[in-house]
Amino acid sequence: MSEKQWGIKVIKSEGEATRRRLINSGLFDSRLKPHSEGDFLVFPVKNEDKSDGEFFFEKRTEKREPARHELIGGIAVMQEDNPSEAYYLLNSRPVIHTVIYPETPVSGEYRTKDFKVLAGKNTTKTNYVEYNNRFVIDLSVAYFSARLANERQRIVGLMKEKERVLDMFAGVGPFPIILSDKASVIYAGDINPGAVCLMRENIALNRKKNIIPMLADALSLGKILKSHSFDRIIMNLPMTSSEFLDVAFLLCKKGGTIHYYTLQSEEGEMLDILRKYTSGKISERIVRSYSPHQHHAVYDICCE
């Protein structure tokens, strides 16, 4: 749609200087788009006295923020089942090829969700890049959250060179792959066969040589790795990981660190339980908001 408005006509070589002058003086009418007429540019202005007459200008499309979502590679995960908003979101960013909605919460032994495709390609699979590391993700096969990217970098910053690391719930391998450059070896276990297959693919994709993927129940790791001990253990199974604490403390070296992730409503909810295992320092921090009444927290635990 077009609209008649006052305008200033200048030769193209003076276009950028004129645009800046009009914006700085408050004369530029930002509702409308400038246009060219041969060797000239025409800028819409708010004041008739400063204009060269009236011209027709195209109206700018009003932009708005799309609905809240988590972007994982080319997939946008919406919080509401809203197809019309999904198509707006799909068209808002060229990188997005699919918009989905989780029809179920994380559930089952493999920690997966059921998704409904709202717009774009009929897929739950995408490529994802995190700090120059590449991942193949399939959200219907294995849980993954891009919102932990900063947390993974935080752990890298805490590590010393050549640490021995265990990730008890490794999923498709984000923690092991991100931490691998500082580790001597990383054992990465998961009970989900689909997740382990994707993890193996991601290990190869990033040419990591020091990650050992394992298809294993975390409760069995104490027996499988009984001759091993670790400087650092990752426990990112927020909903039910307390039942695996015995195994984690069995495998952690004295002076080593366990990063225990949990969902909680109040700060310090896990301190009494964790104090039964160690007298070492325990620090707590909020990773992110999870729901109106819960947050995702991590306890950094020194094993003494």
C-alpha atoms as a PDB file:
ATOM      1  CA  MET A   1       0.000   0.000   0.000  1.00  0.00           C
ATOM      2  CA  SER A   2       1.150   3.535  -0.720  1.00  0.00           C
ATOM      3  CA  GLU A   3       0.523   6.853   0.948  1.00  0.00           C
ATOM      4  CA  LYS A   4       0.857  10.456  -0.225  1.00  0.00           C
ATOM      5  CA  GLN A   5       3.305  12.460   1.874  1.00  0.00           C
ATOM      6  CA  TRP A   6       5.721  15.352   1.674  1.00  0.00           C
ATOM      7  CA  GLY A   7       9.161  14.458   0.405  1.00  0.00           C
ATOM      8  CA  ILE A   8      12.652  15.736  -0.334  1.00  0.00           C
ATOM      9  CA  LYS A   9      14.247  14.872  -3.666  1.00  0.00           C
ATOM     10  CA  VAL A  10      18.063  14.659  -3.914  1.00  0.00           C
ATOM     11  CA  ILE A  11      20.594  13.173  -6.301  1.00  0.00           C
ATOM     12  CA  LYS A  12      21.671   9.647  -5.306  1.00  0.00           C
ATOM     13  CA  SER A  13      25.226  10.679  -4.446  1.00  0.00           C
ATOM     14  CA  GLU A  14      23.797  12.810  -1.627  1.00  0.00           C
ATOM     15  CA  GLY A  15      21.341  10.168  -0.453  1.00  0.00           C
ATOM     16  CA  GLU A  16      23.099   8.793   2.626  1.00  0.00           C
ATOM     17  CA  ALA A  17      24.106  12.225   3.933  1.00  0.00           C
ATOM     18  CA  THR A  18      20.540  13.457   3.454  1.00  0.00           C
ATOM     19  CA  ARG A  19      19.057  10.429   5.199  1.00  0.00           C
ATOM     20  CA  ARG A  20      21.267  10.959   8.240  1.00  0.00           C
ATOM     21  CA  ARG A  21      20.504  14.677   8.355  1.00  0.00           C
ATOM     22  CA  LEU A  22      16.760  14.059   8.225  1.00  0.00           C
ATOM     23  CA  ILE A  23      16.916  11.395  10.960  1.00  0.00           C
ATOM     24  CA  ASN A  24      19.071  13.576  13.231  1.00  0.00           C
ATOM     25  CA  SER A  25      16.755  16.555  12.799  1.00  0.00           C
ATOM     26  CA  GLY A  26      13.612  14.469  13.420  1.00  0.00           C
ATOM     27  CA  LEU A  27      12.189  15.241   9.961  1.00  0.00           C
ATOM     28  CA  PHE A  28      12.408  11.725   8.514  1.00  0.00           C
ATOM     29  CA  ASP A  29       9.028   9.917   8.363  1.00  0.00           C
ATOM     30  CA  SER A  30      10.029   6.369   9.279  1.00  0.00           C
ATOM     31  CA  ARG A  31       6.549   4.977   8.548  1.00  0.00           C
ATOM     32  CA  LEU A  32       7.313   5.190   4.833  1.00  0.00           C
ATOM     33  CA  LYS A  33      10.014   3.831   2.541  1.00  0.00           C
ATOM     34  CA  PRO A  34      12.251   6.140   0.469  1.00  0.00           C
ATOM     35  CA  HIS A  35      12.268   5.363  -3.250  1.00  0.00           C
ATOM     36  CA  SER A  36      14.282   6.199  -6.361  1.00  0.00           C
ATOM     37  CA  GLU A  37      13.220   8.203  -9.407  1.00  0.00           C
ATOM     38  CA  GLY A  38      15.901   7.892 -12.059  1.00  0.00           C
ATOM     39  CA  ASP A  39      19.064   9.523 -10.726  1.00  0.00           C
ATOM     40  CA  PHE A  40      17.274  10.811  -7.644  1.00  0.00           C
ATOM     41  CA  LEU A  41      16.181   9.526  -4.247  1.00  0.00           C
ATOM     42  CA  VAL A  42      13.003  10.742  -2.569  1.00  0.00           C
ATOM     43  CA  PHE A  43      12.802  10.741   1.239  1.00  0.00           C
ATOM     44  CA  PRO A  44       9.505  11.083   3.145  1.00  0.00           C
ATOM     45  CA  VAL A  45       9.463  14.000   5.619  1.00  0.00           C
ATOM     46  CA  LYS A  46       7.067  15.235   8.289  1.00  0.00           C
ATOM     47  CA  ASN A  47       7.212  18.954   7.519  1.00  0.00           C
ATOM     48  CA  GLU A  48       5.681  20.528   4.406  1.00  0.00           C
ATOM     49  CA  ASP A  49       7.874  23.639   4.683  1.00  0.00           C
ATOM     50  CA  LYS A  50      11.052  21.529   4.350  1.00  0.00           C
ATOM     51  CA  SER A  51       9.742  19.439   1.462  1.00  0.00           C
ATOM     52  CA  ASP A  52       9.931  19.534  -2.330  1.00  0.00           C
ATOM     53  CA  GLY A  53       6.252  18.720  -2.629  1.00  0.00           C
ATOM     54  CA  GLU A  54       4.115  15.614  -2.260  1.00  0.00           C
ATOM     55  CA  PHE A  55       5.042  12.123  -3.437  1.00  0.00           C
ATOM     56  CA  PHE A  56       3.675   8.609  -3.126  1.00  0.00           C
ATOM     57  CA  PHE A  57       5.592   6.333  -0.728  1.00  0.00           C
ATOM     58  CA  GLU A  58       5.205   2.657   0.104  1.00  0.00           C
ATOM     59  CA  LYS A  59       4.265   1.954   3.717  1.00  0.00           C
ATOM     60  CA  ARG A  60       6.723  -0.024   5.816  1.00  0.00           C
ATOM     61  CA  THR A  61       5.535  -3.375   7.083  1.00  0.00           C
ATOM     62  CA  GLU A  62       5.119  -3.212  10.831  1.00  0.00           C
ATOM     63  CA  LYS A  63       7.470  -5.664  12.490  1.00  0.00           C
ATOM     64  CA  ARG A  64       6.781  -7.427  15.739  1.00  0.00           C
ATOM     65  CA  GLU A  65       8.505 -10.009  17.844  1.00  0.00           C
ATOM     66  CA  PRO A  66       7.410 -13.589  17.122  1.00  0.00           C
ATOM     67  CA  ALA A  67       6.031 -15.809  19.874  1.00  0.00           C
ATOM     68  CA  ARG A  68       8.416 -17.145  22.507  1.00  0.00           C
ATOM     69  CA  HIS A  69      10.421 -20.100  21.282  1.00  0.00           C
ATOM     70  CA  GLU A  70      13.678 -21.995  21.643  1.00  0.00           C
ATOM     71  CA  LEU A  71      15.790 -22.112  18.504  1.00  0.00           C
ATOM     72  CA  ILE A  72      17.752 -25.326  17.973  1.00  0.00           C
ATOM     73  CA  GLY A  73      19.562 -25.176  14.652  1.00  0.00           C
ATOM     74  CA  GLY A  74      16.827 -24.750  12.049  1.00  0.00           C
ATOM     75  CA  ILE A  75      13.999 -25.835  14.364  1.00  0.00           C
ATOM     76  CA  ALA A  76      11.972 -23.410  16.455  1.00  0.00           C
ATOM     77  CA  VAL A  77      10.228 -25.006  19.434  1.00  0.00           C
ATOM     78  CA  MET A  78       7.145 -22.989  20.365  1.00  0.00           C
ATOM     79  CA  GLN A  79       5.495 -22.921  23.782  1.00  0.00           C
ATOM     80  CA  GLU A  80       1.967 -22.752  22.331  1.00  0.00           C
ATOM     81  CA  ASP A  81       0.048 -24.777  19.749  1.00  0.00           C
ATOM     82  CA  ASN A  82      -0.590 -21.839  17.408  1.00  0.00           C
ATOM     83  CA  PRO A  83      -0.241 -22.644  13.681  1.00  0.00           C
ATOM     84  CA  SER A  84      -0.771 -19.076  12.452  1.00  0.00           C
ATOM     85  CA  GLU A  85       1.933 -17.767  14.783  1.00  0.00           C
ATOM     86  CA  ALA A  86       4.127 -20.680  13.714  1.00  0.00           C
ATOM     87  CA  TYR A  87       3.960 -19.563  10.064  1.00  0.00           C
ATOM     88  CA  TYR A  88       4.832 -16.006  11.099  1.00  0.00           C
ATOM     89  CA  LEU A  89       7.813 -17.373  13.016  1.00  0.00           C
ATOM     90  CA  LEU A  90       8.833 -19.574  10.068  1.00  0.00           C
ATOM     91  CA  ASN A  91       8.938 -16.527   7.806  1.00  0.00           C
ATOM     92  CA  SER A  92      10.654 -14.281  10.350  1.00  0.00           C
ATOM     93  CA  ARG A  93      14.127 -15.842  10.037  1.00  0.00           C
ATOM     94  CA  PRO A  94      15.656 -17.551   6.995  1.00  0.00           C
ATOM     95  CA  VAL A  95      17.498 -20.077   9.199  1.00  0.00           C
ATOM     96  CA  ILE A  96      14.244 -21.656  10.454  1.00  0.00           C
ATOM     97  CA  HIS A  97      13.009 -24.610   8.384  1.00  0.00           C
ATOM     98  CA  THR A  98      10.562 -26.149  10.889  1.00  0.00           C
ATOM     99  CA  VAL A  99       8.365 -24.952  13.740  1.00  0.00           C
ATOM    100  CA  ILE A 100       7.209 -27.542  16.269  1.00  0.00           C
ATOM    101  CA  TYR A 101       5.215 -27.747  19.482  1.00  0.00           C
ATOM    102  CA  PRO A 102       5.862 -30.287  22.277  1.00  0.00           C
ATOM    103  CA  GLU A 103       2.636 -32.193  22.888  1.00  0.00           C
ATOM    104  CA  THR A 104       4.054 -33.986  25.939  1.00  0.00           C
ATOM    105  CA  PRO A 105       6.589 -33.150  28.638  1.00  0.00           C
ATOM    106  CA  VAL A 106       9.881 -35.020  28.908  1.00  0.00           C
ATOM    107  CA  SER A 107       8.918 -38.555  29.902  1.00  0.00           C
ATOM    108  CA  GLY A 108       9.906 -42.191  29.811  1.00  0.00           C
ATOM    109  CA  GLU A 109      13.179 -43.987  30.289  1.00  0.00           C
ATOM    110  CA  TYR A 110      14.694 -42.211  27.260  1.00  0.00           C
ATOM    111  CA  ARG A 111      13.613 -38.665  28.300  1.00  0.00           C
ATOM    112  CA  THR A 112      11.861 -37.802  25.038  1.00  0.00           C
ATOM    113  CA  LYS A 113       8.917 -35.642  24.004  1.00  0.00           C
ATOM    114  CA  ASP A 114       6.216 -36.031  21.366  1.00  0.00           C
ATOM    115  CA  PHE A 115       6.170 -33.110  18.925  1.00  0.00           C
ATOM    116  CA  LYS A 116       3.617 -31.685  16.519  1.00  0.00           C
ATOM    117  CA  VAL A 117       4.930 -29.960  13.385  1.00  0.00           C
ATOM    118  CA  LEU A 118       3.127 -26.620  13.052  1.00  0.00           C
ATOM    119  CA  ALA A 119       4.899 -25.172   9.994  1.00  0.00           C
ATOM    120  CA  GLY A 120       7.685 -25.929   7.543  1.00  0.00           C
ATOM    121  CA  LYS A 121       9.357 -29.271   6.889  1.00  0.00           C
ATOM    122  CA  ASN A 122       7.881 -32.367   8.504  1.00  0.00           C
ATOM    123  CA  THR A 123      10.948 -33.222  10.582  1.00  0.00           C
ATOM    124  CA  THR A 124      12.360 -33.103  14.106  1.00  0.00           C
ATOM    125  CA  LYS A 125      15.938 -33.416  12.872  1.00  0.00           C
ATOM    126  CA  THR A 126      18.323 -30.511  12.383  1.00  0.00           C
ATOM    127  CA  ASN A 127      21.958 -29.433  12.386  1.00  0.00           C
ATOM    128  CA  TYR A 128      23.115 -27.296  15.280  1.00  0.00           C
ATOM    129  CA  VAL A 129      26.337 -25.362  15.898  1.00  0.00           C
ATOM    130  CA  GLU A 130      27.634 -24.439  19.372  1.00  0.00           C
ATOM    131  CA  TYR A 131      30.950 -22.608  19.717  1.00  0.00           C
ATOM    132  CA  ASN A 132      32.228 -24.046  16.414  1.00  0.00           C
ATOM    133  CA  ASN A 133      31.167 -27.587  17.330  1.00  0.00           C
ATOM    134  CA  ARG A 134      28.623 -29.216  15.029  1.00  0.00           C
ATOM    135  CA  PHE A 135      25.802 -31.504  16.111  1.00  0.00           C
ATOM    136  CA  VAL A 136      23.133 -33.606  14.461  1.00  0.00           C
ATOM    137  CA  ILE A 137      20.019 -33.326  16.637  1.00  0.00           C
ATOM    138  CA  ASP A 138      16.749 -35.267  16.461  1.00  0.00           C
ATOM    139  CA  LEU A 139      14.416 -33.949  19.145  1.00  0.00           C
ATOM    140  CA  SER A 140      12.009 -36.875  18.872  1.00  0.00           C
ATOM    141  CA  VAL A 141      14.857 -39.344  19.501  1.00  0.00           C
ATOM    142  CA  ALA A 142      16.806 -37.637  22.294  1.00  0.00           C
ATOM    143  CA  TYR A 143      16.355 -34.638  24.564  1.00  0.00           C
ATOM    144  CA  PHE A 144      18.481 -31.581  23.797  1.00  0.00           C
ATOM    145  CA  SER A 145      18.493 -27.967  24.971  1.00  0.00           C
ATOM    146  CA  ALA A 146      20.484 -25.172  23.387  1.00  0.00           C
ATOM    147  CA  ARG A 147      19.852 -23.107  26.526  1.00  0.00           C
ATOM    148  CA  LEU A 148      22.676 -24.914  28.309  1.00  0.00           C
ATOM    149  CA  ALA A 149      25.326 -23.585  25.894  1.00  0.00           C
ATOM    150  CA  ASN A 150      26.590 -20.992  28.392  1.00  0.00           C
ATOM    151  CA  GLU A 151      26.595 -23.576  31.171  1.00  0.00           C
ATOM    152  CA  ARG A 152      28.784 -25.877  29.112  1.00  0.00           C
ATOM    153  CA  GLN A 153      31.228 -23.015  28.584  1.00  0.00           C
ATOM    154  CA  ARG A 154      31.211 -22.331  32.320  1.00  0.00           C
ATOM    155  CA  ILE A 155      32.307 -25.908  33.010  1.00  0.00           C
ATOM    156  CA  VAL A 156      35.088 -25.595  30.417  1.00  0.00           C
ATOM    157  CA  GLY A 157      36.322 -22.543  32.295  1.00  0.00           C
ATOM    158  CA  LEU A 158      36.457 -24.497  35.566  1.00  0.00           C
ATOM    159  CA  MET A 159      38.431 -27.406  34.127  1.00  0.00           C
ATOM    160  CA  LYS A 160      42.147 -28.017  34.388  1.00  0.00           C
ATOM    161  CA  GLU A 161      44.080 -29.569  31.519  1.00  0.00           C
ATOM    162  CA  LYS A 162      43.924 -33.359  31.078  1.00  0.00           C
ATOM    163  CA  GLU A 163      41.054 -34.067  33.446  1.00  0.00           C
ATOM    164  CA  ARG A 164      39.286 -37.428  33.431  1.00  0.00           C
ATOM    165  CA  VAL A 165      35.570 -36.737  32.940  1.00  0.00           C
ATOM    166  CA  LEU A 166      32.403 -38.828  33.196  1.00  0.00           C
ATOM    167  CA  ASP A 167      29.065 -37.687  31.782  1.00  0.00           C
ATOM    168  CA  MET A 168      26.447 -40.029  33.242  1.00  0.00           C
ATOM    169  CA  PHE A 169      23.561 -38.809  31.037  1.00  0.00           C
ATOM    170  CA  ALA A 170      25.352 -37.679  27.892  1.00  0.00           C
ATOM    171  CA  GLY A 171      22.479 -37.657  25.395  1.00  0.00           C
ATOM    172  CA  VAL A 172      23.719 -36.704  21.921  1.00  0.00           C
ATOM    173  CA  GLY A 173      27.052 -35.587  23.393  1.00  0.00           C
ATOM    174  CA  PRO A 174      26.984 -31.795  23.933  1.00  0.00           C
ATOM    175  CA  PHE A 175      28.863 -31.787  27.255  1.00  0.00           C
ATOM    176  CA  PRO A 176      31.496 -34.374  26.206  1.00  0.00           C
ATOM    177  CA  ILE A 177      32.192 -32.697  22.865  1.00  0.00           C
ATOM    178  CA  ILE A 178      32.391 -29.188  24.316  1.00  0.00           C
ATOM    179  CA  LEU A 179      34.634 -30.343  27.210  1.00  0.00           C
ATOM    180  CA  SER A 180      36.831 -32.695  25.185  1.00  0.00           C
ATOM    181  CA  ASP A 181      39.600 -30.213  24.304  1.00  0.00           C
ATOM    182  CA  LYS A 182      40.546 -29.882  27.980  1.00  0.00           C
ATOM    183  CA  ALA A 183      40.046 -33.511  28.989  1.00  0.00           C
ATOM    184  CA  SER A 184      42.402 -36.453  28.713  1.00  0.00           C
ATOM    185  CA  VAL A 185      39.417 -38.797  28.344  1.00  0.00           C
ATOM    186  CA  ILE A 186      35.634 -38.528  28.651  1.00  0.00           C
ATOM    187  CA  TYR A 187      33.363 -41.491  29.298  1.00  0.00           C
ATOM    188  CA  ALA A 188      29.908 -40.602  27.990  1.00  0.00           C
ATOM    189  CA  GLY A 189      27.029 -42.860  28.965  1.00  0.00           C
ATOM    190  CA  ASP A 190      23.348 -42.895  28.139  1.00  0.00           C
ATOM    191  CA  ILE A 191      20.581 -45.486  28.360  1.00  0.00           C
ATOM    192  CA  ASN A 192      18.894 -44.276  25.132  1.00  0.00           C
ATOM    193  CA  PRO A 193      20.178 -46.191  22.052  1.00  0.00           C
ATOM    194  CA  GLY A 194      19.015 -43.424  19.708  1.00  0.00           C
ATOM    195  CA  ALA A 195      20.895 -40.810  21.701  1.00  0.00           C
ATOM    196  CA  VAL A 196      24.074 -42.897  21.700  1.00  0.00           C
ATOM    197  CA  CYS A 197      23.852 -43.363  17.910  1.00  0.00           C
ATOM    198  CA  LEU A 198      23.575 -39.596  17.446  1.00  0.00           C
ATOM    199  CA  MET A 199      26.401 -39.052  19.945  1.00  0.00           C
ATOM    200  CA  ARG A 200      28.674 -41.376  17.980  1.00  0.00           C
ATOM    201  CA  GLU A 201      27.802 -39.442  14.808  1.00  0.00           C
ATOM    202  CA  ASN A 202      28.572 -36.135  16.534  1.00  0.00           C
ATOM    203  CA  ILE A 203      31.875 -37.411  17.918  1.00  0.00           C
ATOM    204  CA  ALA A 204      32.927 -38.374  14.388  1.00  0.00           C
ATOM    205  CA  LEU A 205      31.591 -35.125  12.937  1.00  0.00           C
ATOM    206  CA  ASN A 206      33.807 -33.112  15.297  1.00  0.00           C
ATOM    207  CA  ARG A 207      36.776 -35.515  15.009  1.00  0.00           C
ATOM    208  CA  LYS A 208      37.040 -36.100  18.741  1.00  0.00           C
ATOM    209  CA  LYS A 209      39.381 -38.931  19.705  1.00  0.00           C
ATOM    210  CA  ASN A 210      39.136 -38.909  23.501  1.00  0.00           C
ATOM    211  CA  ILE A 211      35.389 -39.558  24.024  1.00  0.00           C
ATOM    212  CA  ILE A 212      34.195 -43.092  24.796  1.00  0.00           C
ATOM    213  CA  PRO A 213      30.431 -43.435  24.164  1.00  0.00           C
ATOM    214  CA  MET A 214      28.637 -46.070  26.233  1.00  0.00           C
ATOM    215  CA  LEU A 215      25.116 -47.486  25.980  1.00  0.00           C
ATOM    216  CA  ALA A 216      24.523 -48.004  29.685  1.00  0.00           C
ATOM    217  CA  ASP A 217      22.137 -47.432  32.557  1.00  0.00           C
ATOM    218  CA  ALA A 218      23.816 -44.926  34.881  1.00  0.00           C
ATOM    219  CA  LEU A 219      23.101 -47.214  37.844  1.00  0.00           C
ATOM    220  CA  SER A 220      25.408 -49.826  36.284  1.00  0.00           C
ATOM    221  CA  LEU A 221      28.343 -47.442  35.783  1.00  0.00           C
ATOM    222  CA  GLY A 222      29.753 -48.244  39.213  1.00  0.00           C
ATOM    223  CA  LYS A 223      30.326 -51.846  38.083  1.00  0.00           C
ATOM    224  CA  ILE A 224      31.325 -51.040  34.492  1.00  0.00           C
ATOM    225  CA  LEU A 225      33.863 -48.409  35.574  1.00  0.00           C
ATOM    226  CA  LYS A 226      34.857 -49.883  38.943  1.00  0.00           C
ATOM    227  CA  SER A 227      38.566 -49.650  38.108  1.00  0.00           C
ATOM    228  CA  HIS A 228      38.257 -45.974  37.105  1.00  0.00           C
ATOM    229  CA  SER A 229      38.011 -42.683  38.971  1.00  0.00           C
ATOM    230  CA  PHE A 230      37.215 -39.226  37.640  1.00  0.00           C
ATOM    231  CA  ASP A 231      38.218 -35.621  38.255  1.00  0.00           C
ATOM    232  CA  ARG A 232      34.834 -34.305  37.107  1.00  0.00           C
ATOM    233  CA  ILE A 233      31.386 -35.856  36.750  1.00  0.00           C
ATOM    234  CA  ILE A 234      28.403 -34.331  34.917  1.00  0.00           C
ATOM    235  CA  MET A 235      24.934 -35.304  36.199  1.00  0.00           C
ATOM    236  CA  ASN A 236      22.451 -33.547  33.926  1.00  0.00           C
ATOM    237  CA  LEU A 237      19.238 -35.500  34.504  1.00  0.00           C
ATOM    238  CA  PRO A 238      17.253 -32.781  36.275  1.00  0.00           C
ATOM    239  CA  MET A 239      14.135 -34.680  37.287  1.00  0.00           C
ATOM    240  CA  THR A 240      15.405 -37.928  38.854  1.00  0.00           C
ATOM    241  CA  SER A 241      19.177 -37.748  39.222  1.00  0.00           C
ATOM    242  CA  SER A 242      19.270 -38.056  43.042  1.00  0.00           C
ATOM    243  CA  GLU A 243      18.991 -41.849  42.796  1.00  0.00           C
ATOM    244  CA  PHE A 244      22.340 -41.909  40.978  1.00  0.00           C
ATOM    245  CA  LEU A 245      24.330 -39.996  43.606  1.00  0.00           C
ATOM    246  CA  ASP A 246      25.757 -43.191  45.162  1.00  0.00           C
ATOM    247  CA  VAL A 247      27.352 -44.098  41.825  1.00  0.00           C
ATOM    248  CA  ALA A 248      28.657 -40.578  41.212  1.00  0.00           C
ATOM    249  CA  PHE A 249      30.370 -40.301  44.601  1.00  0.00           C
ATOM    250  CA  LEU A 250      31.775 -43.816  44.221  1.00  0.00           C
ATOM    251  CA  LEU A 251      33.475 -42.850  40.935  1.00  0.00           C
ATOM    252  CA  CYS A 252      34.593 -39.299  41.798  1.00  0.00           C
ATOM    253  CA  LYS A 253      38.171 -38.791  43.000  1.00  0.00           C
ATOM    254  CA  LYS A 254      38.820 -37.189  46.359  1.00  0.00           C
ATOM    255  CA  GLY A 255      39.032 -33.484  45.589  1.00  0.00           C
ATOM    256  CA  GLY A 256      37.113 -33.988  42.348  1.00  0.00           C
ATOM    257  CA  THR A 257      33.938 -32.176  41.335  1.00  0.00           C
ATOM    258  CA  ILE A 258      30.395 -33.339  40.618  1.00  0.00           C
ATOM    259  CA  HIS A 259      28.063 -31.007  38.734  1.00  0.00           C
ATOM    260  CA  TYR A 260      24.605 -32.030  39.868  1.00  0.00           C
ATOM    261  CA  TYR A 261      21.672 -30.528  37.928  1.00  0.00           C
ATOM    262  CA  THR A 262      18.142 -30.495  39.303  1.00  0.00           C
ATOM    263  CA  LEU A 263      14.739 -28.844  38.991  1.00  0.00           C
ATOM    264  CA  GLN A 264      13.674 -27.149  42.205  1.00  0.00           C
ATOM    265  CA  SER A 265      11.201 -24.604  43.531  1.00  0.00           C
ATOM    266  CA  GLU A 266      13.371 -23.118  46.282  1.00  0.00           C
ATOM    267  CA  GLU A 267      17.090 -22.487  46.588  1.00  0.00           C
ATOM    268  CA  GLY A 268      19.010 -25.060  48.587  1.00  0.00           C
ATOM    269  CA  GLU A 269      16.445 -27.848  48.239  1.00  0.00           C
ATOM    270  CA  MET A 270      19.119 -30.511  47.684  1.00  0.00           C
ATOM    271  CA  LEU A 271      21.679 -29.376  50.277  1.00  0.00           C
ATOM    272  CA  ASP A 272      20.568 -31.731  53.062  1.00  0.00           C
ATOM    273  CA  ILE A 273      20.764 -34.751  50.739  1.00  0.00           C
ATOM    274  CA  LEU A 274      24.136 -33.730  49.265  1.00  0.00           C
ATOM    275  CA  ARG A 275      25.639 -33.124  52.713  1.00  0.00           C
ATOM    276  CA  LYS A 276      25.169 -36.831  53.475  1.00  0.00           C
ATOM    277  CA  TYR A 277      27.823 -37.574  50.850  1.00  0.00           C
ATOM    278  CA  THR A 278      30.504 -34.944  51.391  1.00  0.00           C
ATOM    279  CA  SER A 279      31.864 -32.343  53.782  1.00  0.00           C
ATOM    280  CA  GLY A 280      33.416 -30.472  50.869  1.00  0.00           C
ATOM    281  CA  LYS A 281      32.356 -27.148  49.445  1.00  0.00           C
ATOM    282  CA  ILE A 282      28.983 -27.030  47.682  1.00  0.00           C
ATOM    283  CA  SER A 283      28.029 -24.007  45.594  1.00  0.00           C
ATOM    284  CA  GLU A 284      24.651 -23.530  43.962  1.00  0.00           C
ATOM    285  CA  ARG A 285      23.558 -21.433  41.011  1.00  0.00           C
ATOM    286  CA  ILE A 286      20.432 -21.011  38.901  1.00  0.00           C
ATOM    287  CA  VAL A 287      20.973 -22.095  35.304  1.00  0.00           C
ATOM    288  CA  ARG A 288      17.658 -20.929  33.871  1.00  0.00           C
ATOM    289  CA  SER A 289      13.962 -20.580  34.582  1.00  0.00           C
ATOM    290  CA  TYR A 290      12.068 -23.772  33.789  1.00  0.00           C
ATOM    291  CA  SER A 291       8.452 -22.919  34.688  1.00  0.00           C
ATOM    292  CA  PRO A 292       6.648 -20.274  36.745  1.00  0.00           C
ATOM    293  CA  HIS A 293       7.310 -22.293  39.902  1.00  0.00           C
ATOM    294  CA  GLN A 294      10.554 -24.121  39.134  1.00  0.00           C
ATOM    295  CA  HIS A 295      14.091 -23.332  38.053  1.00  0.00           C
ATOM    296  CA  HIS A 296      16.927 -25.426  36.680  1.00  0.00           C
ATOM    297  CA  ALA A 297      19.788 -25.323  39.187  1.00  0.00           C
ATOM    298  CA  VAL A 298      23.265 -26.783  39.391  1.00  0.00           C
ATOM    299  CA  TYR A 299      25.209 -27.733  42.501  1.00  0.00           C
ATOM    300  CA  ASP A 300      28.998 -27.769  42.094  1.00  0.00           C
ATOM    301  CA  ILE A 301      30.107 -30.316  44.686  1.00  0.00           C
ATOM    302  CA  CYS A 302      33.658 -30.898  45.902  1.00  0.00           C
ATOM    303  CA  CYS A 303      34.079 -34.558  46.891  1.00  0.00           C
ATOM    304  CA  GLU A 304      35.909 -34.855  50.223  1.00  0.00           C
END
